[in-house]
């Protein structure tokens, strides 16, 4: 391990989410800008947020994660100021990078709540940072240098925190149910065109395998990976199978107990509390399935320590820890990895 490598601040990059009912439609317009999403569809999605008071859980979860990371950095003697900026809602990353600049910081290390590689999970955050740097420069200021940590799906801290969440979910089942239960890992679907230019699906399968190997349940080796939360026009292919469709298939083949593991997410935001805890839970009830949902890693101590380990790879040159055969992804990414999807031309 080397001495301090010169970073003087850390930045949590987030997706963003509405803080109240008046924010919901403007937030969704930000998310879908340039995608020709019909207004009626935005209204449908808005209703999902309004079921929860128009407030996304993701902002409070990011605040909690940043506080936990701060505490762990402080425990290790890395007393760095921390900031949080979003892509789609306040605090916007452009405004936060300007604040960082005005506070006098010259090298910033960014991290996200996404553990995987793909355009939307990784490359787009690099684009957010580049846009923020340009905005600071356009304001007549000299922007800081900004780095970003690598994807961390195979870091022991992430994997072992998921294992503990699965074990906690299993505890809610009677012993007979645990013996029959199947592990079903779920992640956000993406267009197959985007998946084909990244390791997203391979990394998800790797993470699921690493978790299943460590879970104490009789049928852990029979795990399956499914997808959720697809959007966009139906003629555009996305990763499948859909979680609800797959649960129907499981019921038809005789399975009756499912442990749902949101391996693709690190916090219980809207895609978890609505798509899984509301829609999917209703579907499993109608199918006659018993379903328990493992928690996301959130601020689990193992995950927080692992995330700071990943930060330390660049803060102090700590060695990269990984499980499985993939090894650590390089950072920064190569210029051509995870390119932006090519959207169909308007007609």
Protein backbone atom coordinates (compact mmCIF):
# COMPACT_ATOMS: atom_id res chain seq x y z
CA UNK A 1 0.00 0.00 0.00
CA UNK A 2 1.30 3.45 -0.92
CA UNK A 3 0.81 6.77 0.81
CA UNK A 4 -2.08 9.14 0.07
CA UNK A 5 -2.45 9.38 -3.73
CA UNK A 6 -3.71 12.95 -3.71
CA UNK A 7 -7.50 12.80 -3.66
CA UNK A 8 -8.94 15.50 -1.44
CA UNK A 9 -12.71 14.77 -1.62
CA UNK A 10 -15.12 11.94 -2.39
CA UNK A 11 -18.36 12.19 -4.36
CA UNK A 12 -21.33 9.83 -4.29
CA UNK A 13 -23.04 9.83 -7.69
CA UNK A 14 -26.74 9.00 -7.65
CA UNK A 15 -29.62 8.54 -10.04
CA UNK A 16 -31.86 10.92 -8.13
CA UNK A 17 -35.50 10.76 -7.16
CA UNK A 18 -38.42 13.02 -6.26
CA UNK A 19 -38.72 14.36 -2.73
CA UNK A 20 -42.46 15.05 -2.92
CA UNK A 21 -45.55 14.87 -5.19
CA UNK A 22 -44.75 18.10 -7.05
CA UNK A 23 -41.37 16.70 -8.04
CA UNK A 24 -42.60 13.47 -9.62
CA UNK A 25 -43.45 14.53 -13.20
CA UNK A 26 -40.49 16.93 -13.56
CA UNK A 27 -38.21 14.16 -12.32
CA UNK A 28 -39.64 11.65 -14.79
CA UNK A 29 -39.26 14.20 -17.60
CA UNK A 30 -35.58 14.50 -16.68
CA UNK A 31 -35.15 10.72 -16.72
CA UNK A 32 -36.82 10.27 -20.11
CA UNK A 33 -35.60 13.41 -21.89
CA UNK A 34 -34.90 12.67 -25.55
CA UNK A 35 -36.61 9.27 -25.52
CA UNK A 36 -40.04 10.23 -26.89
CA UNK A 37 -41.87 8.62 -23.97
CA UNK A 38 -45.61 9.36 -24.24
CA UNK A 39 -47.06 11.65 -21.60
CA UNK A 40 -49.60 8.97 -20.68
CA UNK A 41 -46.77 6.58 -19.80
CA UNK A 42 -45.17 9.19 -17.55
CA UNK A 43 -48.51 9.55 -15.82
CA UNK A 44 -48.67 5.80 -15.20
CA UNK A 45 -45.23 5.76 -13.66
CA UNK A 46 -46.03 8.86 -11.62
CA UNK A 47 -48.91 6.99 -10.01
CA UNK A 48 -46.43 4.42 -8.73
CA UNK A 49 -44.47 7.14 -6.94
CA UNK A 50 -47.66 8.69 -5.58
CA UNK A 51 -48.50 5.39 -3.88
CA UNK A 52 -45.50 6.20 -1.68
CA UNK A 53 -46.37 9.84 -1.12
CA UNK A 54 -44.49 11.02 -4.20
CA UNK A 55 -41.17 10.54 -2.45
CA UNK A 56 -38.53 8.11 -3.66
CA UNK A 57 -36.66 6.20 -0.96
CA UNK A 58 -33.40 6.54 -2.87
CA UNK A 59 -32.42 9.99 -1.61
CA UNK A 60 -32.59 9.07 2.08
CA UNK A 61 -30.78 5.83 1.30
CA UNK A 62 -27.97 7.74 -0.42
CA UNK A 63 -27.72 10.10 2.54
CA UNK A 64 -27.45 7.10 4.88
CA UNK A 65 -24.85 5.40 2.66
CA UNK A 66 -22.72 8.52 2.45
CA UNK A 67 -22.86 8.94 6.25
CA UNK A 68 -21.79 5.31 6.70
CA UNK A 69 -18.94 5.67 4.20
CA UNK A 70 -17.85 8.89 5.94
CA UNK A 71 -17.73 7.10 9.28
CA UNK A 72 -15.66 4.23 7.87
CA UNK A 73 -13.26 6.60 6.10
CA UNK A 74 -12.87 8.53 9.34
CA UNK A 75 -12.24 5.29 11.25
CA UNK A 76 -9.39 4.56 8.82
CA UNK A 77 -7.94 8.03 9.24
CA UNK A 78 -9.03 9.25 5.78
CA UNK A 79 -10.70 12.50 6.76
CA UNK A 80 -11.97 13.59 3.38
CA UNK A 81 -14.94 15.88 2.79
CA UNK A 82 -17.78 14.05 1.05
CA UNK A 83 -20.43 15.22 -1.39
CA UNK A 84 -23.46 13.77 -3.13
CA UNK A 85 -24.74 14.68 -6.60
CA UNK A 86 -27.44 13.21 -8.86
CA UNK A 87 -28.06 12.73 -12.55
CA UNK A 88 -31.79 13.40 -12.59
CA UNK A 89 -32.74 15.46 -9.54
CA UNK A 90 -31.39 17.79 -6.90
CA UNK A 91 -28.66 17.99 -5.85
CA UNK A 92 -27.53 17.87 -9.49
CA UNK A 93 -23.98 16.69 -10.07
CA UNK A 94 -23.13 19.86 -12.05
CA UNK A 95 -24.07 22.05 -9.07
CA UNK A 96 -22.24 19.83 -6.62
CA UNK A 97 -19.03 19.77 -8.67
CA UNK A 98 -19.14 23.55 -8.77
CA UNK A 99 -19.51 23.55 -4.97
CA UNK A 100 -16.56 21.15 -4.71
CA UNK A 101 -14.50 23.48 -6.92
CA UNK A 102 -15.43 26.56 -4.92
CA UNK A 103 -14.48 24.69 -1.75
CA UNK A 104 -10.96 24.41 -3.18
CA UNK A 105 -10.72 20.68 -3.91
CA UNK A 106 -8.50 19.62 -6.81
CA UNK A 107 -8.86 15.80 -7.06
CA UNK A 108 -12.18 14.06 -6.46
CA UNK A 109 -12.91 10.34 -6.30
CA UNK A 110 -16.45 9.38 -7.27
CA UNK A 111 -18.38 6.22 -6.46
CA UNK A 112 -21.90 4.99 -7.16
CA UNK A 113 -24.48 2.60 -5.79
CA UNK A 114 -24.15 0.50 -8.92
CA UNK A 115 -21.97 -2.59 -8.62
CA UNK A 116 -21.96 -3.54 -12.32
CA UNK A 117 -20.78 -2.55 -15.80
CA UNK A 118 -23.14 -1.35 -18.51
CA UNK A 119 -23.88 1.95 -20.18
CA UNK A 120 -26.51 3.05 -17.66
CA UNK A 121 -24.77 1.50 -14.63
CA UNK A 122 -21.26 2.79 -15.30
CA UNK A 123 -20.41 4.62 -18.54
CA UNK A 124 -23.26 7.11 -18.18
CA UNK A 125 -21.87 8.20 -14.80
CA UNK A 126 -18.57 9.02 -16.52
CA UNK A 127 -20.62 11.13 -18.95
CA UNK A 128 -22.33 12.85 -16.01
CA UNK A 129 -18.94 13.73 -14.59
CA UNK A 130 -17.67 15.00 -17.95
CA UNK A 131 -20.78 17.18 -18.33
CA UNK A 132 -20.27 18.56 -14.82
CA UNK A 133 -16.61 19.33 -15.53
CA UNK A 134 -17.63 21.24 -18.69
CA UNK A 135 -20.27 23.17 -16.76
CA UNK A 136 -17.72 24.24 -14.14
CA UNK A 137 -15.30 25.29 -16.86
CA UNK A 138 -18.03 27.25 -18.65
CA UNK A 139 -18.60 29.18 -15.42
CA UNK A 140 -15.00 30.44 -15.59
CA UNK A 141 -13.69 28.10 -12.89
CA UNK A 142 -10.94 25.50 -13.10
CA UNK A 143 -12.65 22.15 -12.45
CA UNK A 144 -10.95 19.48 -10.36
CA UNK A 145 -9.70 16.20 -11.75
CA UNK A 146 -12.30 13.52 -11.16
CA UNK A 147 -11.80 9.76 -10.96
CA UNK A 148 -14.32 6.98 -10.40
CA UNK A 149 -14.05 3.61 -8.68
CA UNK A 150 -14.34 0.32 -10.54
CA UNK A 151 -17.44 -1.91 -10.64
CA UNK A 152 -17.46 -3.99 -7.44
CA UNK A 153 -19.97 -6.82 -7.98
CA UNK A 154 -17.34 -9.42 -7.01
CA UNK A 155 -15.85 -7.64 -4.00
CA UNK A 156 -16.12 -9.83 -0.87
CA UNK A 157 -17.87 -7.04 1.04
CA UNK A 158 -20.74 -6.89 -1.46
CA UNK A 159 -21.04 -10.65 -1.91
CA UNK A 160 -20.94 -11.51 1.80
CA UNK A 161 -23.41 -8.76 2.69
CA UNK A 162 -25.87 -10.25 0.16
CA UNK A 163 -25.30 -13.69 1.70
CA UNK A 164 -26.22 -12.33 5.14
CA UNK A 165 -29.35 -10.69 3.73
CA UNK A 166 -30.38 -14.02 2.18
CA UNK A 167 -29.83 -15.86 5.46
CA UNK A 168 -31.98 -13.28 7.25
CA UNK A 169 -34.78 -13.86 4.70
CA UNK A 170 -34.52 -17.63 5.14
CA UNK A 171 -35.03 -17.21 8.88
CA UNK A 172 -38.59 -16.06 8.19
CA UNK A 173 -39.44 -19.43 6.62
CA UNK A 174 -40.37 -22.57 8.51
CA UNK A 175 -37.74 -25.35 8.19
CA UNK A 176 -39.83 -27.25 5.65
CA UNK A 177 -40.12 -24.11 3.53
CA UNK A 178 -36.38 -23.53 3.64
CA UNK A 179 -35.81 -27.06 2.39
CA UNK A 180 -38.06 -26.45 -0.64
CA UNK A 181 -37.09 -22.86 -1.38
CA UNK A 182 -35.50 -21.79 -4.65
CA UNK A 183 -33.18 -18.80 -4.96
CA UNK A 184 -34.28 -16.37 -7.66
CA UNK A 185 -31.89 -13.46 -8.28
CA UNK A 186 -33.32 -10.38 -9.93
CA UNK A 187 -31.81 -7.34 -11.61
CA UNK A 188 -32.93 -4.37 -13.69
CA UNK A 189 -33.48 -5.39 -17.28
CA UNK A 190 -31.71 -3.43 -20.00
CA UNK A 191 -32.06 -3.52 -23.81
CA UNK A 192 -30.27 -6.48 -25.31
CA UNK A 193 -28.36 -4.06 -27.55
CA UNK A 194 -26.91 -2.48 -24.40
CA UNK A 195 -26.27 -5.85 -22.77
CA UNK A 196 -24.37 -7.09 -25.82
CA UNK A 197 -21.73 -4.34 -25.45
CA UNK A 198 -21.01 -4.88 -21.75
CA UNK A 199 -20.36 -7.59 -19.17
CA UNK A 200 -23.54 -6.72 -17.27
CA UNK A 201 -25.26 -10.10 -17.58
CA UNK A 202 -22.05 -12.08 -17.05
CA UNK A 203 -21.26 -10.05 -13.92
CA UNK A 204 -24.77 -10.63 -12.57
CA UNK A 205 -24.44 -14.37 -13.09
CA UNK A 206 -21.03 -14.29 -11.46
CA UNK A 207 -22.36 -12.41 -8.42
CA UNK A 208 -25.35 -14.76 -8.13
CA UNK A 209 -23.07 -17.78 -8.30
CA UNK A 210 -20.72 -16.34 -5.66
CA UNK A 211 -23.67 -15.73 -3.33
CA UNK A 212 -25.34 -19.11 -3.95
CA UNK A 213 -22.09 -20.95 -3.20
CA UNK A 214 -22.12 -19.40 0.26
CA UNK A 215 -25.81 -19.68 1.18
CA UNK A 216 -26.75 -22.45 3.61
CA UNK A 217 -29.90 -23.93 2.08
CA UNK A 218 -30.52 -27.32 0.42
CA UNK A 219 -31.37 -26.03 -3.08
CA UNK A 220 -28.91 -23.14 -3.26
CA UNK A 221 -27.26 -24.64 -6.33
CA UNK A 222 -30.53 -24.46 -8.30
CA UNK A 223 -30.57 -20.65 -8.45
CA UNK A 224 -31.94 -18.68 -11.40
CA UNK A 225 -31.45 -15.13 -12.70
CA UNK A 226 -34.44 -13.07 -13.87
CA UNK A 227 -35.06 -9.44 -14.77
CA UNK A 228 -37.48 -6.70 -13.82
CA UNK A 229 -38.46 -3.06 -14.38
CA UNK A 230 -38.17 -3.05 -18.17
CA UNK A 231 -39.44 0.04 -19.95
CA UNK A 232 -39.51 1.35 -23.49
CA UNK A 233 -41.46 0.23 -26.56
CA UNK A 234 -42.42 -3.47 -26.65
CA UNK A 235 -40.77 -4.02 -30.03
CA UNK A 236 -37.33 -3.32 -28.52
CA UNK A 237 -35.91 -6.53 -26.98
CA UNK A 238 -34.74 -6.40 -23.36
CA UNK A 239 -33.12 -9.01 -21.14
CA UNK A 240 -35.51 -11.76 -20.05
CA UNK A 241 -37.16 -13.66 -18.41
CA UNK A 242 -39.33 -11.16 -16.57
CA UNK A 243 -39.60 -11.94 -12.88
CA UNK A 244 -43.40 -12.28 -12.81
CA UNK A 245 -43.46 -14.47 -15.93
CA UNK A 246 -40.75 -16.67 -14.46
CA UNK A 247 -42.56 -17.10 -11.15
CA UNK A 248 -45.57 -18.36 -13.11
CA UNK A 249 -43.32 -20.89 -14.84
CA UNK A 250 -41.93 -21.99 -11.48
CA UNK A 251 -45.43 -22.55 -10.11
CA UNK A 252 -46.35 -24.63 -13.16
CA UNK A 253 -43.38 -26.91 -12.60
CA UNK A 254 -44.26 -27.46 -8.95
CA UNK A 255 -42.13 -24.97 -7.01
CA UNK A 256 -43.96 -23.26 -4.18
CA UNK A 257 -41.36 -21.36 -2.10
CA UNK A 258 -39.15 -18.59 -3.50
CA UNK A 259 -36.41 -16.46 -1.96
CA UNK A 260 -36.19 -13.37 -4.16
CA UNK A 261 -32.76 -11.74 -4.08
CA UNK A 262 -32.43 -8.28 -5.71
CA UNK A 263 -28.77 -8.88 -6.61
CA UNK A 264 -28.79 -6.05 -9.16
CA UNK A 265 -29.52 -3.34 -6.58
CA UNK A 266 -27.71 -2.02 -3.52
CA UNK A 267 -30.65 -0.21 -1.87
CA UNK A 268 -34.41 -0.59 -1.47
CA UNK A 269 -35.43 2.15 -3.88
CA UNK A 270 -38.55 2.33 -6.09
CA UNK A 271 -37.62 -0.57 -8.39
CA UNK A 272 -37.50 -2.73 -5.27
CA UNK A 273 -40.35 -1.43 -3.11
CA UNK A 274 -42.81 -1.11 -6.02
CA UNK A 275 -41.72 -3.60 -8.68
CA UNK A 276 -40.87 -6.37 -6.20
CA UNK A 277 -42.62 -5.65 -2.90
CA UNK A 278 -45.85 -4.46 -4.55
CA UNK A 279 -46.31 -5.85 -8.09
CA UNK A 280 -44.34 -9.07 -7.74
CA UNK A 281 -45.61 -9.77 -4.24
CA UNK A 282 -49.19 -9.47 -5.52
CA UNK A 283 -48.41 -11.85 -8.40
CA UNK A 284 -46.89 -14.47 -6.11
CA UNK A 285 -49.96 -14.31 -3.86
CA UNK A 286 -52.23 -14.87 -6.85
CA UNK A 287 -50.04 -17.76 -7.99
CA UNK A 288 -50.15 -19.40 -4.56
CA UNK A 289 -46.39 -19.08 -4.08
CA UNK A 290 -44.71 -18.33 -0.78
CA UNK A 291 -42.18 -15.57 -1.42
CA UNK A 292 -39.70 -13.89 0.90
CA UNK A 293 -37.56 -11.06 -0.35
CA UNK A 294 -33.96 -10.65 0.79
CA UNK A 295 -33.00 -7.12 1.70
CA UNK A 296 -30.54 -5.17 -0.43
CA UNK A 297 -27.12 -4.51 1.08
CA UNK A 298 -27.98 -0.90 1.96
CA UNK A 299 -25.67 0.15 4.81
CA UNK A 300 -24.77 -3.37 5.92
CA UNK A 301 -21.38 -3.06 7.67
CA UNK A 302 -19.76 -5.65 5.40
CA UNK A 303 -20.87 -3.72 2.32
CA UNK A 304 -19.81 -0.34 3.69
CA UNK A 305 -16.37 -1.66 4.62
CA UNK A 306 -16.08 -3.29 1.20
CA UNK A 307 -17.07 -0.10 -0.59
CA UNK A 308 -14.43 1.83 1.34
CA UNK A 309 -11.94 -0.92 0.42
CA UNK A 310 -12.74 -0.13 -3.23
CA UNK A 311 -12.28 3.59 -2.56
CA UNK A 312 -8.96 2.81 -0.87
CA UNK A 313 -7.69 1.14 -4.03
CA UNK A 314 -7.41 4.67 -5.43
CA UNK A 315 -7.14 6.71 -2.26
CA UNK A 316 -4.08 4.90 -0.91
CA UNK A 317 -3.21 2.23 -3.51
CA UNK A 318 -4.73 -0.66 -1.56
CA UNK A 319 -4.76 -4.03 -3.39
CA UNK A 320 -8.00 -4.96 -5.13
CA UNK A 321 -9.92 -7.77 -3.43
CA UNK A 322 -12.24 -9.93 -5.54
CA UNK A 323 -13.93 -13.32 -5.46
CA UNK A 324 -14.32 -15.65 -8.42
CA UNK A 325 -12.50 -15.74 -11.73
CA UNK A 326 -13.18 -12.26 -13.15
CA UNK A 327 -10.71 -10.26 -11.10
CA UNK A 328 -10.99 -6.46 -10.79
CA UNK A 329 -12.13 -4.34 -13.70
CA UNK A 330 -9.62 -1.64 -14.69
CA UNK A 331 -10.28 1.98 -13.93
CA UNK A 332 -10.68 4.20 -15.75
CA UNK A 333 -12.57 2.05 -18.25
CA UNK A 334 -11.33 1.76 -21.80
CA UNK A 335 -12.70 4.44 -24.11
CA UNK A 336 -14.86 1.99 -26.06
CA UNK A 337 -16.45 -0.04 -23.30
CA UNK A 338 -20.20 0.02 -22.55
CA UNK A 339 -21.09 2.47 -25.35
CA UNK A 340 -24.34 4.42 -25.35
CA UNK A 341 -27.21 2.55 -27.01
CA UNK A 342 -28.15 3.61 -30.51
CA UNK A 343 -31.75 4.76 -30.38
CA UNK A 344 -34.01 4.17 -33.41
CA UNK A 345 -34.40 7.20 -35.66
CA UNK A 346 -37.72 9.03 -35.44
CA UNK A 347 -40.02 8.55 -38.41
